[in-house]
Amino acid sequence: FILSNLESYKSHNKVFEFEDVCQRNCAG
């Protein structure tokens, strides 16, 4: 996969957004 903060790649199913990855819910 690829991590990105660019709007142009958000819709690709193998691209994850920076903020989503950094704010991952890791409870427990």
PDB file of all heavy atoms in Angstrom:
ATOM      1  N   PHE A   1       0.849  -1.190   0.000  1.00  0.00           N
ATOM      2  CA  PHE A   1       0.000   0.000   0.000  1.00  0.00           C
ATOM      3  C   PHE A   1       0.889   1.247   0.000  1.00  0.00           C
ATOM      4  O   PHE A   1       2.119   1.151   0.123  1.00  0.00           O
ATOM      5  CB  PHE A   1      -0.940   0.024   1.219  1.00  0.00           C
ATOM      6  CG  PHE A   1      -0.241  -0.151   2.542  1.00  0.00           C
ATOM      7  CD1 PHE A   1       0.456   0.901   3.136  1.00  0.00           C
ATOM      8  CD2 PHE A   1      -0.267  -1.377   3.200  1.00  0.00           C
ATOM      9  CE1 PHE A   1       1.098   0.735   4.350  1.00  0.00           C
ATOM     10  CE2 PHE A   1       0.386  -1.551   4.414  1.00  0.00           C
ATOM     11  CZ  PHE A   1       1.068  -0.491   4.990  1.00  0.00           C
ATOM     12  N   ILE A   2       0.234   2.397  -0.117  1.00  0.00           N
ATOM     13  CA  ILE A   2       0.931   3.687  -0.086  1.00  0.00           C
ATOM     14  C   ILE A   2       0.223   4.596   0.913  1.00  0.00           C
ATOM     15  O   ILE A   2      -1.017   4.610   0.983  1.00  0.00           O
ATOM     16  CB  ILE A   2       0.956   4.335  -1.489  1.00  0.00           C
ATOM     17  CG1 ILE A   2       1.899   3.552  -2.416  1.00  0.00           C
ATOM     18  CG2 ILE A   2       1.381   5.805  -1.423  1.00  0.00           C
ATOM     19  CD1 ILE A   2       1.877   3.999  -3.861  1.00  0.00           C
ATOM     20  N   LEU A   3       0.980   5.332   1.691  1.00  0.00           N
ATOM     21  CA  LEU A   3       0.438   6.312   2.626  1.00  0.00           C
ATOM     22  C   LEU A   3       0.576   7.695   2.001  1.00  0.00           C
ATOM     23  O   LEU A   3       1.612   8.012   1.416  1.00  0.00           O
ATOM     24  CB  LEU A   3       1.177   6.253   3.958  1.00  0.00           C
ATOM     25  CG  LEU A   3       1.265   4.876   4.630  1.00  0.00           C
ATOM     26  CD1 LEU A   3       1.960   4.972   5.978  1.00  0.00           C
ATOM     27  CD2 LEU A   3      -0.110   4.271   4.789  1.00  0.00           C
ATOM     28  N   SER A   4      -0.460   8.521   2.130  1.00  0.00           N
ATOM     29  CA  SER A   4      -0.443   9.828   1.461  1.00  0.00           C
ATOM     30  C   SER A   4      -1.325  10.825   2.196  1.00  0.00           C
ATOM     31  O   SER A   4      -2.252  10.442   2.930  1.00  0.00           O
ATOM     32  CB  SER A   4      -0.928   9.682   0.011  1.00  0.00           C
ATOM     33  OG  SER A   4      -0.920  10.925  -0.655  1.00  0.00           O
ATOM     34  N   ASN A   5      -1.017  12.119   1.997  1.00  0.00           N
ATOM     35  CA  ASN A   5      -1.915  13.176   2.473  1.00  0.00           C
ATOM     36  C   ASN A   5      -2.442  14.010   1.306  1.00  0.00           C
ATOM     37  O   ASN A   5      -2.916  15.131   1.497  1.00  0.00           O
ATOM     38  CB  ASN A   5      -1.216  14.073   3.505  1.00  0.00           C
ATOM     39  CG  ASN A   5      -0.039  14.852   2.934  1.00  0.00           C
ATOM     40  OD1 ASN A   5       0.367  14.635   1.781  1.00  0.00           O
ATOM     41  ND2 ASN A   5       0.528  15.756   3.725  1.00  0.00           N
ATOM     42  N   LEU A   6      -2.349  13.461   0.089  1.00  0.00           N
ATOM     43  CA  LEU A   6      -2.786  14.190  -1.096  1.00  0.00           C
ATOM     44  C   LEU A   6      -4.207  13.770  -1.489  1.00  0.00           C
ATOM     45  O   LEU A   6      -4.527  12.579  -1.569  1.00  0.00           O
ATOM     46  CB  LEU A   6      -1.826  13.939  -2.258  1.00  0.00           C
ATOM     47  CG  LEU A   6      -0.368  14.354  -2.023  1.00  0.00           C
ATOM     48  CD1 LEU A   6       0.455  14.110  -3.276  1.00  0.00           C
ATOM     49  CD2 LEU A   6      -0.272  15.818  -1.619  1.00  0.00           C
ATOM     50  N   GLU A   7      -5.026  14.776  -1.750  1.00  0.00           N
ATOM     51  CA  GLU A   7      -6.429  14.545  -2.088  1.00  0.00           C
ATOM     52  C   GLU A   7      -6.587  13.675  -3.331  1.00  0.00           C
ATOM     53  O   GLU A   7      -7.504  12.854  -3.430  1.00  0.00           O
ATOM     54  CB  GLU A   7      -7.111  15.904  -2.313  1.00  0.00           C
ATOM     55  CG  GLU A   7      -8.621  15.851  -2.397  1.00  0.00           C
ATOM     56  CD  GLU A   7      -9.275  15.590  -1.049  1.00  0.00           C
ATOM     57  OE1 GLU A   7      -8.648  15.892  -0.006  1.00  0.00           O
ATOM     58  OE2 GLU A   7     -10.402  15.072  -1.057  1.00  0.00           O
ATOM     59  N   SER A   8      -5.691  13.825  -4.289  1.00  0.00           N
ATOM     60  CA  SER A   8      -5.833  13.155  -5.586  1.00  0.00           C
ATOM     61  C   SER A   8      -5.729  11.628  -5.507  1.00  0.00           C
ATOM     62  O   SER A   8      -6.137  10.925  -6.430  1.00  0.00           O
ATOM     63  CB  SER A   8      -4.790  13.684  -6.567  1.00  0.00           C
ATOM     64  OG  SER A   8      -3.480  13.532  -6.044  1.00  0.00           O
ATOM     65  N   TYR A   9      -5.162  11.102  -4.403  1.00  0.00           N
ATOM     66  CA  TYR A   9      -4.989   9.660  -4.294  1.00  0.00           C
ATOM     67  C   TYR A   9      -5.946   9.004  -3.291  1.00  0.00           C
ATOM     68  O   TYR A   9      -5.920   7.785  -3.105  1.00  0.00           O
ATOM     69  CB  TYR A   9      -3.550   9.327  -3.887  1.00  0.00           C
ATOM     70  CG  TYR A   9      -2.503   9.834  -4.855  1.00  0.00           C
ATOM     71  CD1 TYR A   9      -1.499  10.699  -4.438  1.00  0.00           C
ATOM     72  CD2 TYR A   9      -2.519   9.450  -6.193  1.00  0.00           C
ATOM     73  CE1 TYR A   9      -0.536  11.169  -5.331  1.00  0.00           C
ATOM     74  CE2 TYR A   9      -1.566   9.911  -7.082  1.00  0.00           C
ATOM     75  CZ  TYR A   9      -0.580  10.781  -6.644  1.00  0.00           C
ATOM     76  OH  TYR A   9       0.367  11.237  -7.531  1.00  0.00           O
ATOM     77  N   LYS A  10      -6.783   9.796  -2.640  1.00  0.00           N
ATOM     78  CA  LYS A  10      -7.609   9.286  -1.539  1.00  0.00           C
ATOM     79  C   LYS A  10      -8.554   8.154  -1.948  1.00  0.00           C
ATOM     80  O   LYS A  10      -8.846   7.259  -1.164  1.00  0.00           O
ATOM     81  CB  LYS A  10      -8.442  10.436  -0.947  1.00  0.00           C
ATOM     82  CG  LYS A  10      -7.647  11.348  -0.040  1.00  0.00           C
ATOM     83  CD  LYS A  10      -8.473  12.533   0.428  1.00  0.00           C
ATOM     84  CE  LYS A  10      -9.624  12.100   1.315  1.00  0.00           C
ATOM     85  NZ  LYS A  10     -10.308  13.279   1.902  1.00  0.00           N
ATOM     86  N   SER A  11      -9.029   8.191  -3.185  1.00  0.00           N
ATOM     87  CA  SER A  11     -10.046   7.222  -3.591  1.00  0.00           C
ATOM     88  C   SER A  11      -9.484   5.839  -3.914  1.00  0.00           C
ATOM     89  O   SER A  11     -10.244   4.874  -4.040  1.00  0.00           O
ATOM     90  CB  SER A  11     -10.804   7.755  -4.817  1.00  0.00           C
ATOM     91  OG  SER A  11      -9.905   7.951  -5.905  1.00  0.00           O
ATOM     92  N   HIS A  12      -8.163   5.722  -4.029  1.00  0.00           N
ATOM     93  CA  HIS A  12      -7.570   4.428  -4.374  1.00  0.00           C
ATOM     94  C   HIS A  12      -7.624   3.491  -3.163  1.00  0.00           C
ATOM     95  O   HIS A  12      -7.280   3.882  -2.047  1.00  0.00           O
ATOM     96  CB  HIS A  12      -6.132   4.608  -4.842  1.00  0.00           C
ATOM     97  CG  HIS A  12      -5.585   3.430  -5.586  1.00  0.00           C
ATOM     98  ND1 HIS A  12      -5.244   2.253  -4.964  1.00  0.00           N
ATOM     99  CD2 HIS A  12      -5.328   3.241  -6.916  1.00  0.00           C
ATOM    100  CE1 HIS A  12      -4.790   1.397  -5.862  1.00  0.00           C
ATOM    101  NE2 HIS A  12      -4.832   1.971  -7.057  1.00  0.00           N
ATOM    102  N   ASN A  13      -8.020   2.240  -3.382  1.00  0.00           N
ATOM    103  CA  ASN A  13      -8.198   1.324  -2.248  1.00  0.00           C
ATOM    104  C   ASN A  13      -6.897   0.841  -1.621  1.00  0.00           C
ATOM    105  O   ASN A  13      -6.911   0.186  -0.575  1.00  0.00           O
ATOM    106  CB  ASN A  13      -9.053   0.121  -2.667  1.00  0.00           C
ATOM    107  CG  ASN A  13      -8.375  -0.754  -3.713  1.00  0.00           C
ATOM    108  OD1 ASN A  13      -7.335  -0.402  -4.265  1.00  0.00           O
ATOM    109  ND2 ASN A  13      -8.972  -1.903  -4.002  1.00  0.00           N
ATOM    110  N   LYS A  14      -5.767   1.160  -2.242  1.00  0.00           N
ATOM    111  CA  LYS A  14      -4.469   0.797  -1.674  1.00  0.00           C
ATOM    112  C   LYS A  14      -3.717   2.031  -1.140  1.00  0.00           C
ATOM    113  O   LYS A  14      -2.512   1.970  -0.901  1.00  0.00           O
ATOM    114  CB  LYS A  14      -3.603   0.091  -2.725  1.00  0.00           C
ATOM    115  CG  LYS A  14      -4.106  -1.299  -3.110  1.00  0.00           C
ATOM    116  CD  LYS A  14      -3.955  -2.292  -1.971  1.00  0.00           C
ATOM    117  CE  LYS A  14      -4.302  -3.704  -2.426  1.00  0.00           C
ATOM    118  NZ  LYS A  14      -4.160  -4.682  -1.320  1.00  0.00           N
ATOM    119  N   VAL A  15      -4.439   3.117  -0.982  1.00  0.00           N
ATOM    120  CA  VAL A  15      -3.853   4.337  -0.420  1.00  0.00           C
ATOM    121  C   VAL A  15      -4.548   4.639   0.899  1.00  0.00           C
ATOM    122  O   VAL A  15      -5.785   4.694   0.975  1.00  0.00           O
ATOM    123  CB  VAL A  15      -4.001   5.535  -1.378  1.00  0.00           C
ATOM    124  CG1 VAL A  15      -3.532   6.823  -0.694  1.00  0.00           C
ATOM    125  CG2 VAL A  15      -3.203   5.299  -2.654  1.00  0.00           C
ATOM    126  N   PHE A  16      -3.757   4.827   1.960  1.00  0.00           N
ATOM    127  CA  PHE A  16      -4.283   5.175   3.278  1.00  0.00           C
ATOM    128  C   PHE A  16      -3.800   6.577   3.646  1.00  0.00           C
ATOM    129  O   PHE A  16      -2.650   6.932   3.399  1.00  0.00           O
ATOM    130  CB  PHE A  16      -3.824   4.159   4.327  1.00  0.00           C
ATOM    131  CG  PHE A  16      -4.329   2.771   4.081  1.00  0.00           C
ATOM    132  CD1 PHE A  16      -3.587   1.872   3.309  1.00  0.00           C
ATOM    133  CD2 PHE A  16      -5.545   2.356   4.597  1.00  0.00           C
ATOM    134  CE1 PHE A  16      -4.047   0.586   3.066  1.00  0.00           C
ATOM    135  CE2 PHE A  16      -6.014   1.075   4.358  1.00  0.00           C
ATOM    136  CZ  PHE A  16      -5.273   0.183   3.591  1.00  0.00           C
ATOM    137  N   GLU A  17      -4.690   7.331   4.262  1.00  0.00           N
ATOM    138  CA  GLU A  17      -4.366   8.724   4.581  1.00  0.00           C
ATOM    139  C   GLU A  17      -3.470   8.823   5.809  1.00  0.00           C
ATOM    140  O   GLU A  17      -3.626   8.066   6.783  1.00  0.00           O
ATOM    141  CB  GLU A  17      -5.658   9.512   4.802  1.00  0.00           C
ATOM    142  CG  GLU A  17      -6.493   9.680   3.547  1.00  0.00           C
ATOM    143  CD  GLU A  17      -7.669  10.604   3.784  1.00  0.00           C
ATOM    144  OE1 GLU A  17      -7.440  11.752   4.222  1.00  0.00           O
ATOM    145  OE2 GLU A  17      -8.811  10.175   3.545  1.00  0.00           O
ATOM    146  N   PHE A  18      -2.549   9.780   5.764  1.00  0.00           N
ATOM    147  CA  PHE A  18      -1.632  10.021   6.876  1.00  0.00           C
ATOM    148  C   PHE A  18      -2.371  10.086   8.214  1.00  0.00           C
ATOM    149  O   PHE A  18      -2.018   9.412   9.181  1.00  0.00           O
ATOM    150  CB  PHE A  18      -0.890  11.349   6.678  1.00  0.00           C
ATOM    151  CG  PHE A  18       0.297  11.288   5.748  1.00  0.00           C
ATOM    152  CD1 PHE A  18       0.612  10.146   5.054  1.00  0.00           C
ATOM    153  CD2 PHE A  18       1.103  12.416   5.572  1.00  0.00           C
ATOM    154  CE1 PHE A  18       1.711  10.091   4.200  1.00  0.00           C
ATOM    155  CE2 PHE A  18       2.193  12.386   4.725  1.00  0.00           C
ATOM    156  CZ  PHE A  18       2.504  11.220   4.036  1.00  0.00           C
ATOM    157  N   GLU A  19      -3.373  10.967   8.282  1.00  0.00           N
ATOM    158  CA  GLU A  19      -4.048  11.224   9.559  1.00  0.00           C
ATOM    159  C   GLU A  19      -4.740   9.973  10.081  1.00  0.00           C
ATOM    160  O   GLU A  19      -4.719   9.696  11.283  1.00  0.00           O
ATOM    161  CB  GLU A  19      -5.034  12.378   9.417  1.00  0.00           C
ATOM    162  CG  GLU A  19      -4.349  13.730   9.285  1.00  0.00           C
ATOM    163  CD  GLU A  19      -5.317  14.892   9.430  1.00  0.00           C
ATOM    164  OE1 GLU A  19      -6.517  14.642   9.657  1.00  0.00           O
ATOM    165  OE2 GLU A  19      -4.869  16.047   9.324  1.00  0.00           O
ATOM    166  N   ASP A  20      -5.367   9.206   9.199  1.00  0.00           N
ATOM    167  CA  ASP A  20      -6.050   7.980   9.632  1.00  0.00           C
ATOM    168  C   ASP A  20      -5.065   6.988  10.232  1.00  0.00           C
ATOM    169  O   ASP A  20      -5.353   6.327  11.241  1.00  0.00           O
ATOM    170  CB  ASP A  20      -6.769   7.324   8.448  1.00  0.00           C
ATOM    171  CG  ASP A  20      -7.984   8.118   7.995  1.00  0.00           C
ATOM    172  OD1 ASP A  20      -8.402   9.024   8.738  1.00  0.00           O
ATOM    173  OD2 ASP A  20      -8.496   7.833   6.894  1.00  0.00           O
ATOM    174  N   VAL A  21      -3.900   6.884   9.596  1.00  0.00           N
ATOM    175  CA  VAL A  21      -2.885   5.939  10.077  1.00  0.00           C
ATOM    176  C   VAL A  21      -2.302   6.399  11.407  1.00  0.00           C
ATOM    177  O   VAL A  21      -2.115   5.597  12.333  1.00  0.00           O
ATOM    178  CB  VAL A  21      -1.775   5.768   9.018  1.00  0.00           C
ATOM    179  CG1 VAL A  21      -0.612   4.964   9.580  1.00  0.00           C
ATOM    180  CG2 VAL A  21      -2.327   5.107   7.761  1.00  0.00           C
ATOM    181  N   CYS A  22      -2.032   7.694  11.521  1.00  0.00           N
ATOM    182  CA  CYS A  22      -1.410   8.220  12.745  1.00  0.00           C
ATOM    183  C   CYS A  22      -2.377   8.248  13.924  1.00  0.00           C
ATOM    184  O   CYS A  22      -1.952   8.223  15.083  1.00  0.00           O
ATOM    185  CB  CYS A  22      -0.863   9.625  12.492  1.00  0.00           C
ATOM    186  SG  CYS A  22       0.577   9.654  11.411  1.00  0.00           S
ATOM    187  N   GLN A  23      -3.669   8.311  13.631  1.00  0.00           N
ATOM    188  CA  GLN A  23      -4.666   8.363  14.705  1.00  0.00           C
ATOM    189  C   GLN A  23      -5.371   7.010  14.874  1.00  0.00           C
ATOM    190  O   GLN A  23      -6.491   6.927  15.351  1.00  0.00           O
ATOM    191  CB  GLN A  23      -5.692   9.454  14.397  1.00  0.00           C
ATOM    192  CG  GLN A  23      -5.093  10.850  14.382  1.00  0.00           C
ATOM    193  CD  GLN A  23      -6.057  11.915  13.874  1.00  0.00           C
ATOM    194  OE1 GLN A  23      -7.227  11.633  13.616  1.00  0.00           O
ATOM    195  NE2 GLN A  23      -5.561  13.123  13.724  1.00  0.00           N
ATOM    196  N   ARG A  24      -4.698   5.955  14.494  1.00  0.00           N
ATOM    197  CA  ARG A  24      -5.275   4.609  14.568  1.00  0.00           C
ATOM    198  C   ARG A  24      -5.714   4.305  15.998  1.00  0.00           C
ATOM    199  O   ARG A  24      -5.000   4.595  16.967  1.00  0.00           O
ATOM    200  CB  ARG A  24      -4.213   3.596  14.134  1.00  0.00           C
ATOM    201  CG  ARG A  24      -4.797   2.302  13.596  1.00  0.00           C
ATOM    202  CD  ARG A  24      -5.432   2.540  12.258  1.00  0.00           C
ATOM    203  NE  ARG A  24      -5.782   1.300  11.581  1.00  0.00           N
ATOM    204  CZ  ARG A  24      -6.383   1.276  10.406  1.00  0.00           C
ATOM    205  NH1 ARG A  24      -6.699   2.400   9.803  1.00  0.00           N
ATOM    206  NH2 ARG A  24      -6.673   0.126   9.837  1.00  0.00           N
ATOM    207  N   ASN A  25      -6.881   3.733  16.128  1.00  0.00           N
ATOM    208  CA  ASN A  25      -7.383   3.341  17.446  1.00  0.00           C
ATOM    209  C   ASN A  25      -6.723   2.024  17.855  1.00  0.00           C
ATOM    210  O   ASN A  25      -7.021   0.963  17.312  1.00  0.00           O
ATOM    211  CB  ASN A  25      -8.904   3.192  17.400  1.00  0.00           C
ATOM    212  CG  ASN A  25      -9.476   2.869  18.767  1.00  0.00           C
ATOM    213  OD1 ASN A  25      -8.742   2.760  19.747  1.00  0.00           O
ATOM    214  ND2 ASN A  25     -10.786   2.722  18.842  1.00  0.00           N
ATOM    215  N   CYS A  26      -5.812   2.129  18.806  1.00  0.00           N
ATOM    216  CA  CYS A  26      -5.071   0.936  19.229  1.00  0.00           C
ATOM    217  C   CYS A  26      -5.435   0.547  20.657  1.00  0.00           C
ATOM    218  O   CYS A  26      -4.589   0.054  21.410  1.00  0.00           O
ATOM    219  CB  CYS A  26      -3.574   1.181  19.132  1.00  0.00           C
ATOM    220  SG  CYS A  26      -3.007   1.366  17.440  1.00  0.00           S
ATOM    221  N   ALA A  27      -6.653   0.810  21.042  1.00  0.00           N
ATOM    222  CA  ALA A  27      -7.083   0.529  22.413  1.00  0.00           C
ATOM    223  C   ALA A  27      -6.761  -0.905  22.795  1.00  0.00           C
ATOM    224  O   ALA A  27      -7.132  -1.855  22.108  1.00  0.00           O
ATOM    225  CB  ALA A  27      -8.588   0.775  22.535  1.00  0.00           C
ATOM    226  N   GLY A  28      -6.030  -1.031  23.884  1.00  0.00           N
ATOM    227  CA  GLY A  28      -5.679  -2.359  24.378  1.00  0.00           C
ATOM    228  C   GLY A  28      -4.543  -3.027  23.650  1.00  0.00           C
ATOM    229  O   GLY A  28      -4.128  -4.117  24.018  1.00  0.00           O
TER     230      GLY A  28
END
